[in-house]
Amino acid sequence: MNIILSIFQALVLALCLPASGWRLLHYFQLESYQLPGFYRSVKRSAQKTLIPNVAMAAVGTVAAALHAPWILCLLLEAAAAALLFVQARKEKLKKPFVVTERVGRLIAMHAGTALVIALLAAAVSPVLLYLLPAFEAALIALAAVCAQPIEKHINRQFVDDAIKRLESNPNLIRIGITGSYGKTSTKFLLRDILSVKYNVLATPSSFNTTMGVTRVIREQLTPAHQVFIAEMGARHVGDIRELVDLVHPSIGILTSVGPQHLDTFGTIERIKNTKYELIDGLPQNGTAILARDGAICEELYARCPLEHKYMPGDLVQASGMEWGPFGTRFTLEDTKTGESARCETRLLGEHSIANLLLCCTAARVLGMTLPEIARGVARCQPVEHRLELLGGAGGVSIIDDAFNANPVGAQAALRVLKNFPGRRIIITPGMVELGGEEAAFNRSFGEQMAQSVDVAILVGKKHTQPIVDGLLAKGFPQDKIHVVSSLDESTKVLHAMMRAGDVVLYENDLPDNYSE
């Protein structure tokens, strides 16, 4: 009877654990199911990820230690798990938790491994059994490790199917795009320009992992498509090479190399070599197009052995540039023939036009005329949340650059803001995922901000302190700095001060696993 009772208690507790760890499962998904990133998220948000489960464990262990009836102990644990589950489900999220098939398999593995551990704990002591919720993060990690061989096998089947679909269309032009920043914007700009002449499929949103690109190929690629554009993201060395082995692009575009994801790469040198995996993976008759940045991209251009390699200015160049509330206007000129076409776009910022020139270069490589390219440029719109110019109420202009701030992109956004008339307001939580250099970059961001804005609204009192230090170091008025705890609070502060003619820049928006 005692054995059966112990098994029953272990089973109920094992089933409660995934519910109590719902927020932890979400964080694991946000980190692309990578354990190192998951550990960092848990540590960074311990108040939300660890303490609730420790409290749940405390309730059960105290009840068990006081020899409360077993049914009461279980009810207390179940009630605590239900409460944590409901709280996690009600939480307002920027990127909701999606219960995919992979998540379903992880939950099943989690319940199974937790049951085994719970049975062993129950055999020792009921008190030990009820301590398990305190180790929920570790239990999820264990389940992920146990599920890894299954996931690898399933992923391999999907990847093989995607490769077969690509190979079934030998005339398909395959283009890979990577960079520390600018790759998503460049992908959509290139899609819009090439669509004037070709039937183009580009990976949607920020689908830039092997499995994300695989899914797009399997679900959306058809024999009618003439061009496939794959964005290639990386958080670890070898990620780009894996995507190149999947797509086998004939054209590779490198938008930038800089301090992005330093928390996983560690050094700029490793980032540089990882981004070059795209260029290194091109065939001998392939084409490499690299940004003219006066820095690392030009160093990689010199390293590239391909005959067909270009930077903006080699085939086409832009001149007569002007920008403002209308967007940007410039003249596109063929550097060899002198032919030109006037272009206009809603894009803002020098770096946006630099990305656009990468696309114009690729279009020229693929045989498009300047009038065709100009029509494509007119189609180009800012990617959502990437220097997107919006009309606000009461004569206020909004520049939405909230997708993901990085040192180069943030500088470019500040340059754009500085060119706007009226009072200039920035709302930002600063930059993340920059490893040990994060504080230094944010301080520098504050110093640069002091030269470009009139009012700074900073989100996150702890995280934005280096920005405050940078602002004050450059003599920025302290009464023009407003530090708030949340985006909702920043909106209230903004509405209280806003007037006609203001321009507001939203720079970055922290993901759910970066809450203070």
Protein backbone atom coordinates (compact mmCIF):
# COMPACT_ATOMS: atom_id res chain seq x y z
CA MET A 1 0.00 0.00 0.00
CA ASN A 2 2.81 2.41 0.86
CA ILE A 3 4.51 1.63 -2.43
CA ILE A 4 1.34 2.32 -4.40
CA LEU A 5 0.81 5.55 -2.47
CA SER A 6 4.37 6.66 -3.15
CA ILE A 7 3.99 5.92 -6.86
CA PHE A 8 0.71 7.87 -6.96
CA GLN A 9 2.24 10.91 -5.23
CA ALA A 10 5.29 10.80 -7.52
CA LEU A 11 3.05 10.58 -10.60
CA VAL A 12 0.86 13.53 -9.58
CA LEU A 13 3.88 15.66 -8.72
CA ALA A 14 5.61 14.78 -12.01
CA LEU A 15 2.52 15.91 -13.91
CA CYS A 16 2.36 19.15 -11.91
CA LEU A 17 5.95 20.13 -12.66
CA PRO A 18 5.53 21.15 -16.35
CA ALA A 19 2.62 23.39 -15.35
CA SER A 20 4.66 25.03 -12.60
CA GLY A 21 7.56 25.54 -15.01
CA TRP A 22 5.51 27.01 -17.87
CA ARG A 23 7.45 30.28 -17.79
CA LEU A 24 10.75 28.37 -17.76
CA LEU A 25 9.65 26.37 -20.80
CA HIS A 26 8.86 29.66 -22.55
CA TYR A 27 12.33 31.00 -21.77
CA PHE A 28 13.85 27.81 -23.15
CA GLN A 29 11.94 28.38 -26.40
CA LEU A 30 13.02 32.04 -26.52
CA GLU A 31 16.62 30.85 -26.33
CA SER A 32 16.05 28.57 -29.36
CA TYR A 33 16.26 25.50 -27.10
CA GLN A 34 19.92 26.22 -26.38
CA LEU A 35 20.94 25.33 -22.83
CA PRO A 36 23.67 28.00 -22.34
CA GLY A 37 21.22 30.77 -23.23
CA PHE A 38 18.56 29.16 -21.03
CA TYR A 39 20.93 29.16 -18.05
CA ARG A 40 21.66 32.86 -18.60
CA SER A 41 17.95 33.70 -18.83
CA VAL A 42 17.17 31.81 -15.64
CA LYS A 43 19.99 33.52 -13.78
CA ARG A 44 19.08 36.94 -15.13
CA SER A 45 15.39 36.60 -14.22
CA ALA A 46 15.71 34.51 -11.05
CA GLN A 47 12.92 36.37 -9.30
CA LYS A 48 10.46 35.20 -11.95
CA THR A 49 11.96 31.83 -12.83
CA LEU A 50 13.34 30.31 -9.63
CA ILE A 51 11.67 31.84 -6.58
CA PRO A 52 8.07 30.81 -7.48
CA ASN A 53 9.10 27.15 -7.79
CA VAL A 54 11.15 27.32 -4.60
CA ALA A 55 8.05 28.69 -2.85
CA MET A 56 6.00 25.82 -4.27
CA ALA A 57 8.57 23.33 -2.95
CA ALA A 58 8.56 25.02 0.46
CA VAL A 59 4.79 24.62 0.76
CA GLY A 60 4.95 20.91 0.04
CA THR A 61 8.01 20.10 2.13
CA VAL A 62 6.72 21.98 5.19
CA ALA A 63 3.39 20.18 4.94
CA ALA A 64 5.16 16.81 4.56
CA ALA A 65 7.58 17.55 7.40
CA LEU A 66 4.61 18.35 9.67
CA HIS A 67 3.10 14.97 8.73
CA ALA A 68 0.07 16.53 7.05
CA PRO A 69 -2.17 14.00 5.23
CA TRP A 70 -0.69 13.04 1.88
CA ILE A 71 -3.81 14.20 0.04
CA LEU A 72 -3.40 17.68 1.54
CA CYS A 73 0.25 17.80 0.46
CA LEU A 74 -0.69 16.87 -3.09
CA LEU A 75 -3.55 19.37 -3.20
CA LEU A 76 -1.23 22.13 -2.02
CA GLU A 77 1.32 21.28 -4.72
CA ALA A 78 -1.35 21.00 -7.42
CA ALA A 79 -2.87 24.34 -6.37
CA ALA A 80 0.56 26.01 -6.41
CA ALA A 81 1.33 24.55 -9.86
CA ALA A 82 -2.05 25.71 -11.19
CA LEU A 83 -1.46 29.20 -9.80
CA LEU A 84 1.97 29.46 -11.43
CA PHE A 85 0.56 28.14 -14.71
CA VAL A 86 -2.29 30.67 -14.73
CA GLN A 87 0.08 33.53 -13.86
CA ALA A 88 2.43 32.56 -16.69
CA ARG A 89 -0.46 32.29 -19.17
CA LYS A 90 -1.87 35.69 -18.18
CA GLU A 91 1.47 37.46 -18.47
CA LYS A 92 1.59 40.04 -21.24
CA LEU A 93 4.27 38.82 -23.65
CA LYS A 94 6.03 40.36 -26.63
CA LYS A 95 6.61 36.91 -28.11
CA PRO A 96 3.99 34.40 -26.92
CA PHE A 97 4.86 30.85 -25.96
CA VAL A 98 3.94 28.53 -28.85
CA VAL A 99 3.25 24.92 -27.94
CA THR A 100 4.85 23.30 -30.98
CA GLU A 101 5.31 19.59 -31.54
CA ARG A 102 8.83 19.96 -30.19
CA VAL A 103 7.52 21.58 -27.01
CA GLY A 104 5.02 18.73 -26.68
CA ARG A 105 7.83 16.19 -26.90
CA LEU A 106 9.87 18.16 -24.35
CA ILE A 107 6.95 18.27 -21.91
CA ALA A 108 6.43 14.52 -22.28
CA MET A 109 10.13 13.86 -21.71
CA HIS A 110 10.10 16.26 -18.76
CA ALA A 111 7.18 14.46 -17.12
CA GLY A 112 8.84 11.09 -17.73
CA THR A 113 12.25 11.99 -16.34
CA ALA A 114 10.64 13.84 -13.42
CA LEU A 115 8.59 10.74 -12.61
CA VAL A 116 11.71 8.57 -12.40
CA ILE A 117 13.43 11.09 -10.12
CA ALA A 118 10.26 11.52 -8.06
CA LEU A 119 10.02 7.76 -7.51
CA LEU A 120 13.62 7.64 -6.32
CA ALA A 121 13.01 10.61 -4.02
CA ALA A 122 9.80 9.08 -2.62
CA ALA A 123 11.66 5.88 -1.84
CA VAL A 124 13.96 7.90 0.43
CA SER A 125 11.53 10.34 2.03
CA PRO A 126 8.22 12.11 1.24
CA VAL A 127 9.89 15.36 2.29
CA LEU A 128 12.55 14.88 -0.38
CA LEU A 129 9.83 14.19 -2.95
CA TYR A 130 8.21 17.57 -2.37
CA LEU A 131 11.53 19.37 -2.80
CA LEU A 132 11.54 18.60 -6.55
CA PRO A 133 9.77 21.79 -7.75
CA ALA A 134 12.72 23.84 -6.48
CA PHE A 135 14.84 22.14 -9.16
CA GLU A 136 12.40 22.69 -12.03
CA ALA A 137 14.94 24.55 -14.21
CA ALA A 138 17.43 21.69 -13.85
CA LEU A 139 14.70 19.14 -14.61
CA ILE A 140 13.82 20.94 -17.84
CA ALA A 141 17.50 20.99 -18.81
CA LEU A 142 17.75 17.26 -18.09
CA ALA A 143 14.67 16.56 -20.21
CA ALA A 144 16.17 18.60 -23.06
CA VAL A 145 19.40 16.59 -22.92
CA CYS A 146 17.46 13.31 -22.93
CA ALA A 147 15.31 14.48 -25.86
CA GLN A 148 18.26 15.69 -27.94
CA PRO A 149 18.87 12.43 -29.89
CA ILE A 150 15.19 12.31 -30.83
CA GLU A 151 15.20 15.95 -31.94
CA LYS A 152 18.34 15.47 -34.02
CA HIS A 153 16.81 12.48 -35.81
CA ILE A 154 13.57 14.35 -36.57
CA ASN A 155 15.43 17.47 -37.69
CA ARG A 156 17.65 15.44 -40.01
CA GLN A 157 14.58 14.01 -41.75
CA PHE A 158 13.13 17.50 -42.25
CA VAL A 159 16.44 18.87 -43.55
CA ASP A 160 16.87 15.98 -46.01
CA ASP A 161 13.36 16.59 -47.35
CA ALA A 162 14.12 20.33 -47.77
CA ILE A 163 17.34 19.54 -49.68
CA LYS A 164 15.39 17.26 -52.04
CA ARG A 165 12.87 20.03 -52.71
CA LEU A 166 15.68 22.49 -53.54
CA GLU A 167 17.41 19.98 -55.81
CA SER A 168 14.18 19.33 -57.69
CA ASN A 169 14.45 22.89 -59.09
CA PRO A 170 17.97 23.07 -60.60
CA ASN A 171 17.34 26.51 -62.18
CA LEU A 172 16.43 28.10 -58.86
CA ILE A 173 18.68 31.07 -58.02
CA ARG A 174 19.65 30.69 -54.36
CA ILE A 175 20.82 33.68 -52.36
CA GLY A 176 22.14 33.65 -48.80
CA ILE A 177 22.23 36.79 -46.64
CA THR A 178 23.99 37.14 -43.31
CA GLY A 179 25.46 39.84 -41.11
CA SER A 180 25.62 40.94 -37.52
CA TYR A 181 22.82 43.38 -38.30
CA GLY A 182 20.82 44.48 -41.32
CA LYS A 183 20.26 41.00 -42.74
CA THR A 184 16.47 40.90 -42.29
CA SER A 185 15.99 44.37 -43.76
CA THR A 186 18.32 43.56 -46.66
CA LYS A 187 16.46 40.31 -47.34
CA PHE A 188 13.12 42.08 -47.73
CA LEU A 189 14.60 44.93 -49.76
CA LEU A 190 16.17 42.44 -52.16
CA ARG A 191 12.89 40.54 -52.40
CA ASP A 192 11.01 43.71 -53.34
CA ILE A 193 13.55 44.75 -55.96
CA LEU A 194 13.95 41.33 -57.59
CA SER A 195 10.18 40.83 -57.64
CA VAL A 196 9.99 43.35 -60.49
CA LYS A 197 11.54 40.69 -62.75
CA TYR A 198 11.46 37.36 -60.87
CA ASN A 199 9.09 35.16 -58.88
CA VAL A 200 10.80 35.41 -55.49
CA LEU A 201 10.43 33.54 -52.20
CA ALA A 202 12.20 34.99 -49.16
CA THR A 203 12.19 33.48 -45.70
CA PRO A 204 9.59 35.42 -43.67
CA SER A 205 10.12 37.50 -40.54
CA SER A 206 13.35 36.49 -38.79
CA PHE A 207 13.30 32.84 -39.92
CA ASN A 208 17.06 32.45 -40.04
CA THR A 209 17.91 29.17 -38.29
CA THR A 210 18.42 25.83 -40.00
CA MET A 211 15.03 24.53 -38.89
CA GLY A 212 13.30 27.83 -39.66
CA VAL A 213 14.67 27.90 -43.22
CA THR A 214 13.91 24.18 -43.58
CA ARG A 215 10.30 24.80 -42.66
CA VAL A 216 9.95 27.58 -45.25
CA ILE A 217 11.40 25.39 -48.00
CA ARG A 218 9.13 22.45 -47.15
CA GLU A 219 5.96 24.50 -46.75
CA GLN A 220 6.28 27.41 -49.20
CA LEU A 221 8.78 26.72 -52.00
CA THR A 222 7.10 25.78 -55.30
CA PRO A 223 8.43 24.92 -58.80
CA ALA A 224 7.20 28.36 -59.95
CA HIS A 225 9.71 30.21 -57.81
CA GLN A 226 12.76 31.53 -59.66
CA VAL A 227 14.69 32.99 -56.72
CA PHE A 228 14.98 31.81 -53.11
CA ILE A 229 16.45 34.22 -50.55
CA ALA A 230 17.52 32.71 -47.23
CA GLU A 231 18.42 34.83 -44.23
CA MET A 232 21.17 33.11 -42.25
CA GLY A 233 21.48 33.89 -38.55
CA ALA A 234 24.11 32.70 -36.11
CA ARG A 235 24.62 32.59 -32.37
CA HIS A 236 27.40 29.99 -32.43
CA VAL A 237 30.38 29.11 -34.62
CA GLY A 238 29.27 26.76 -37.41
CA ASP A 239 25.65 27.97 -37.59
CA ILE A 240 26.16 29.66 -40.98
CA ARG A 241 28.03 26.68 -42.39
CA GLU A 242 25.09 24.46 -41.47
CA LEU A 243 22.71 26.78 -43.35
CA VAL A 244 25.02 26.92 -46.38
CA ASP A 245 25.07 23.11 -46.48
CA LEU A 246 21.27 23.23 -46.56
CA VAL A 247 20.68 26.01 -49.13
CA HIS A 248 23.88 25.88 -51.27
CA PRO A 249 23.58 29.51 -52.39
CA SER A 250 25.26 30.79 -55.56
CA ILE A 251 25.13 34.40 -54.33
CA GLY A 252 26.18 35.41 -50.83
CA ILE A 253 25.57 38.84 -49.30
CA LEU A 254 27.35 39.98 -46.13
CA THR A 255 25.73 43.09 -44.63
CA SER A 256 27.96 43.74 -41.61
CA VAL A 257 30.23 42.29 -38.95
CA GLY A 258 30.12 43.73 -35.46
CA PRO A 259 29.56 43.15 -31.74
CA GLN A 260 26.25 41.29 -31.82
CA HIS A 261 25.65 38.15 -29.70
CA LEU A 262 28.96 38.55 -27.93
CA ASP A 263 27.41 36.63 -25.04
CA THR A 264 27.61 33.45 -27.14
CA PHE A 265 30.49 34.19 -29.53
CA GLY A 266 32.82 35.75 -27.01
CA THR A 267 35.00 37.69 -29.47
CA ILE A 268 34.64 39.73 -32.67
CA GLU A 269 37.16 37.39 -34.33
CA ARG A 270 34.80 34.43 -33.88
CA ILE A 271 31.89 36.49 -35.20
CA LYS A 272 33.96 37.49 -38.25
CA ASN A 273 34.94 33.91 -39.07
CA THR A 274 31.39 32.65 -38.57
CA LYS A 275 29.91 35.27 -40.93
CA TYR A 276 32.59 34.44 -43.50
CA GLU A 277 31.30 30.85 -43.54
CA LEU A 278 28.71 32.08 -46.09
CA ILE A 279 31.34 33.48 -48.46
CA ASP A 280 33.60 30.49 -47.92
CA GLY A 281 30.73 28.14 -48.82
CA LEU A 282 29.97 29.70 -52.22
CA PRO A 283 30.89 27.71 -55.36
CA GLN A 284 33.87 28.75 -57.50
CA ASN A 285 31.59 30.43 -60.02
CA GLY A 286 29.52 32.05 -57.26
CA THR A 287 29.15 35.74 -56.46
CA ALA A 288 30.04 37.43 -53.18
CA ILE A 289 28.65 40.87 -52.31
CA LEU A 290 30.02 42.51 -49.17
CA ALA A 291 29.31 45.80 -47.45
CA ARG A 292 31.72 48.67 -47.92
CA ASP A 293 32.28 49.40 -44.23
CA GLY A 294 35.90 50.53 -44.09
CA ALA A 295 36.48 47.72 -41.60
CA ILE A 296 35.91 43.98 -41.26
CA CYS A 297 33.72 43.44 -44.36
CA GLU A 298 36.42 44.98 -46.54
CA GLU A 299 39.01 42.76 -44.86
CA LEU A 300 36.85 39.73 -45.73
CA TYR A 301 36.40 41.05 -49.27
CA ALA A 302 40.18 41.02 -49.67
CA ARG A 303 40.27 37.46 -48.29
CA CYS A 304 37.61 36.22 -50.72
CA PRO A 305 39.23 34.31 -53.63
CA LEU A 306 36.20 34.42 -55.94
CA GLU A 307 36.45 36.11 -59.33
CA HIS A 308 32.98 37.59 -58.98
CA LYS A 309 33.03 39.70 -55.83
CA TYR A 310 31.62 43.18 -55.40
CA MET A 311 31.03 45.98 -52.93
CA PRO A 312 28.63 48.93 -53.35
CA GLY A 313 30.28 51.34 -55.78
CA ASP A 314 31.77 48.59 -57.96
CA LEU A 315 28.69 48.19 -60.18
CA VAL A 316 26.28 50.87 -58.94
CA GLN A 317 26.53 53.88 -56.64
CA ALA A 318 24.18 56.42 -55.05
CA SER A 319 24.53 60.21 -55.19
CA GLY A 320 22.44 63.31 -54.52
CA MET A 321 20.99 61.82 -51.37
CA GLU A 322 18.37 63.68 -49.34
CA TRP A 323 16.04 62.51 -46.58
CA GLY A 324 13.34 63.76 -44.27
CA PRO A 325 9.73 62.99 -43.33
CA PHE A 326 9.15 61.81 -46.94
CA GLY A 327 11.86 59.13 -46.61
CA THR A 328 14.97 59.16 -48.84
CA ARG A 329 15.71 60.24 -52.43
CA PHE A 330 18.89 59.55 -54.40
CA THR A 331 20.27 58.97 -57.88
CA LEU A 332 21.38 55.41 -58.72
CA GLU A 333 24.22 55.35 -61.25
CA ASP A 334 25.91 52.54 -63.16
CA THR A 335 29.63 53.06 -62.50
CA LYS A 336 30.64 51.56 -65.85
CA THR A 337 28.13 53.04 -68.33
CA GLY A 338 27.18 56.27 -66.52
CA GLU A 339 23.49 55.43 -66.90
CA SER A 340 21.38 56.72 -63.99
CA ALA A 341 17.88 56.59 -62.50
CA ARG A 342 16.28 58.69 -59.78
CA CYS A 343 15.03 56.63 -56.82
CA GLU A 344 12.72 57.36 -53.90
CA THR A 345 11.93 55.15 -50.88
CA ARG A 346 10.37 55.36 -47.46
CA LEU A 347 13.60 54.01 -45.97
CA LEU A 348 15.50 56.18 -43.51
CA GLY A 349 19.17 56.39 -42.64
CA GLU A 350 22.53 55.98 -44.34
CA HIS A 351 22.81 52.35 -43.26
CA SER A 352 19.41 51.57 -44.85
CA ILE A 353 20.62 53.01 -48.16
CA ALA A 354 23.88 51.07 -47.76
CA ASN A 355 21.81 47.88 -47.43
CA LEU A 356 19.73 48.99 -50.41
CA LEU A 357 22.89 49.38 -52.51
CA LEU A 358 23.88 45.81 -51.66
CA CYS A 359 20.52 44.75 -53.11
CA CYS A 360 20.91 46.98 -56.19
CA THR A 361 24.30 45.38 -56.78
CA ALA A 362 22.77 41.90 -56.57
CA ALA A 363 19.97 42.95 -58.93
CA ARG A 364 22.55 44.22 -61.43
CA VAL A 365 24.43 40.91 -61.17
CA LEU A 366 21.16 39.17 -62.05
CA GLY A 367 20.68 41.29 -65.15
CA MET A 368 18.12 43.87 -64.04
CA THR A 369 18.13 47.29 -65.73
CA LEU A 370 18.38 50.54 -63.75
CA PRO A 371 14.72 51.48 -64.49
CA GLU A 372 13.67 48.04 -63.23
CA ILE A 373 15.76 48.49 -60.10
CA ALA A 374 14.31 51.98 -59.54
CA ARG A 375 10.78 50.53 -59.71
CA GLY A 376 11.83 47.93 -57.18
CA VAL A 377 13.33 50.58 -54.88
CA ALA A 378 10.02 52.45 -54.95
CA ARG A 379 8.33 49.29 -53.68
CA CYS A 380 10.68 49.00 -50.73
CA GLN A 381 9.18 49.74 -47.34
CA PRO A 382 10.88 49.79 -43.95
CA VAL A 383 10.75 46.43 -42.25
CA GLU A 384 8.42 46.54 -39.26
CA HIS A 385 10.19 47.95 -36.17
CA ARG A 386 13.36 48.78 -38.11
CA LEU A 387 13.60 52.57 -38.55
CA GLU A 388 9.96 52.51 -39.61
CA LEU A 389 8.57 56.05 -40.04
CA LEU A 390 5.05 56.29 -38.63
CA GLY A 391 2.60 59.13 -38.25
CA GLY A 392 1.63 59.83 -34.66
CA ALA A 393 -1.33 61.70 -33.22
CA GLY A 394 -1.26 65.47 -32.78
CA GLY A 395 1.46 66.19 -35.33
CA VAL A 396 4.04 63.90 -33.72
CA SER A 397 6.40 61.76 -35.87
CA ILE A 398 7.28 58.26 -34.65
CA ILE A 399 10.41 56.38 -35.72
CA ASP A 400 10.01 52.73 -34.73
CA ASP A 401 13.42 51.04 -34.46
CA ALA A 402 12.34 48.72 -31.66
CA PHE A 403 13.29 45.36 -33.17
CA ASN A 404 16.82 44.93 -31.85
CA ALA A 405 19.37 47.61 -31.01
CA ASN A 406 23.06 47.09 -31.70
CA PRO A 407 25.96 49.57 -31.49
CA VAL A 408 26.09 50.33 -35.23
CA GLY A 409 22.33 50.41 -35.77
CA ALA A 410 21.79 52.59 -32.70
CA GLN A 411 24.34 55.14 -33.99
CA ALA A 412 22.59 55.19 -37.37
CA ALA A 413 19.20 55.70 -35.70
CA LEU A 414 20.57 58.62 -33.68
CA ARG A 415 21.94 60.21 -36.87
CA VAL A 416 18.50 59.93 -38.46
CA LEU A 417 16.83 61.43 -35.41
CA LYS A 418 19.29 64.32 -35.34
CA ASN A 419 18.26 65.35 -38.87
CA PHE A 420 14.60 65.74 -37.93
CA PRO A 421 13.23 69.15 -36.95
CA GLY A 422 11.39 69.66 -33.67
CA ARG A 423 12.02 68.29 -30.19
CA ARG A 424 13.69 64.88 -30.34
CA ILE A 425 12.71 62.23 -27.80
CA ILE A 426 14.17 58.73 -27.44
CA ILE A 427 12.59 55.79 -25.61
CA THR A 428 14.99 52.87 -25.09
CA PRO A 429 16.05 50.11 -22.69
CA GLY A 430 19.53 50.12 -24.22
CA MET A 431 21.32 47.14 -25.75
CA VAL A 432 21.56 43.50 -24.68
CA GLU A 433 23.37 40.28 -25.68
CA LEU A 434 26.74 42.05 -25.70
CA GLY A 435 28.42 39.93 -23.04
CA GLY A 436 30.92 41.53 -20.71
CA GLU A 437 31.13 44.65 -22.89
CA GLU A 438 27.43 45.45 -22.56
CA ALA A 439 27.82 48.18 -19.92
CA ALA A 440 30.58 49.89 -21.93
CA PHE A 441 28.50 49.87 -25.11
CA ASN A 442 25.49 51.28 -23.28
CA ARG A 443 27.58 54.05 -21.72
CA SER A 444 28.88 54.93 -25.19
CA PHE A 445 25.29 54.86 -26.43
CA GLY A 446 24.41 57.41 -23.76
CA GLU A 447 27.32 59.64 -24.78
CA GLN A 448 26.22 59.55 -28.42
CA MET A 449 22.60 60.11 -27.41
CA ALA A 450 23.53 63.35 -25.64
CA GLN A 451 24.43 64.90 -29.02
CA SER A 452 21.23 63.84 -30.80
CA VAL A 453 18.23 64.00 -28.44
CA ASP A 454 16.48 66.56 -26.28
CA VAL A 455 14.67 64.13 -23.94
CA ALA A 456 15.67 60.59 -22.95
CA ILE A 457 13.14 58.12 -21.53
CA LEU A 458 15.03 55.02 -20.36
CA VAL A 459 13.25 51.73 -19.61
CA GLY A 460 14.72 49.60 -16.81
CA LYS A 461 16.36 51.31 -13.85
CA LYS A 462 19.18 48.83 -13.39
CA HIS A 463 19.97 48.04 -17.02
CA THR A 464 20.04 51.66 -18.21
CA GLN A 465 22.36 53.06 -15.53
CA PRO A 466 25.38 53.04 -17.91
CA ILE A 467 23.32 55.08 -20.39
CA VAL A 468 22.54 57.62 -17.66
CA ASP A 469 26.26 57.78 -16.83
CA GLY A 470 27.09 58.42 -20.49
CA LEU A 471 24.47 61.14 -20.84
CA LEU A 472 25.59 62.97 -17.71
CA ALA A 473 29.25 62.67 -18.70
CA LYS A 474 28.44 64.69 -21.83
CA GLY A 475 26.58 67.37 -19.90
CA PHE A 476 23.06 66.25 -20.76
CA PRO A 477 20.51 67.95 -18.46
CA GLN A 478 19.49 65.57 -15.66
CA ASP A 479 15.91 66.88 -15.67
CA LYS A 480 15.60 65.69 -19.28
CA ILE A 481 16.35 62.08 -18.26
CA HIS A 482 13.35 60.00 -17.22
CA VAL A 483 14.07 56.46 -15.97
CA VAL A 484 11.00 54.20 -15.80
CA SER A 485 10.34 50.56 -14.96
CA SER A 486 8.31 49.45 -17.99
CA LEU A 487 7.26 50.35 -21.53
CA ASP A 488 3.75 51.14 -20.25
CA GLU A 489 5.20 53.64 -17.79
CA SER A 490 7.30 55.21 -20.56
CA THR A 491 4.12 55.73 -22.60
CA LYS A 492 2.51 57.61 -19.71
CA VAL A 493 5.58 59.84 -19.33
CA LEU A 494 5.64 60.50 -23.08
CA HIS A 495 1.95 61.39 -23.28
CA ALA A 496 2.32 63.82 -20.40
CA MET A 497 5.00 65.83 -22.23
CA MET A 498 4.23 65.28 -25.93
CA ARG A 499 3.42 68.23 -28.20
CA ALA A 500 2.98 68.89 -31.91
CA GLY A 501 6.22 68.78 -33.89
CA ASP A 502 7.94 66.25 -31.63
CA VAL A 503 9.74 63.26 -33.14
CA VAL A 504 9.96 60.10 -31.00
CA LEU A 505 12.48 57.32 -31.60
CA TYR A 506 11.74 53.90 -30.10
CA GLU A 507 15.14 52.18 -30.00
CA ASN A 508 15.06 48.48 -29.07
CA ASP A 509 12.54 46.51 -27.06
CA LEU A 510 13.80 43.95 -24.55
CA PRO A 511 12.59 40.36 -25.08
CA ASP A 512 10.52 38.65 -22.40
CA ASN A 513 13.53 36.86 -20.92
CA TYR A 514 15.34 40.16 -20.24
CA SER A 515 12.94 41.59 -17.69
CA GLU A 516 14.49 43.09 -14.56
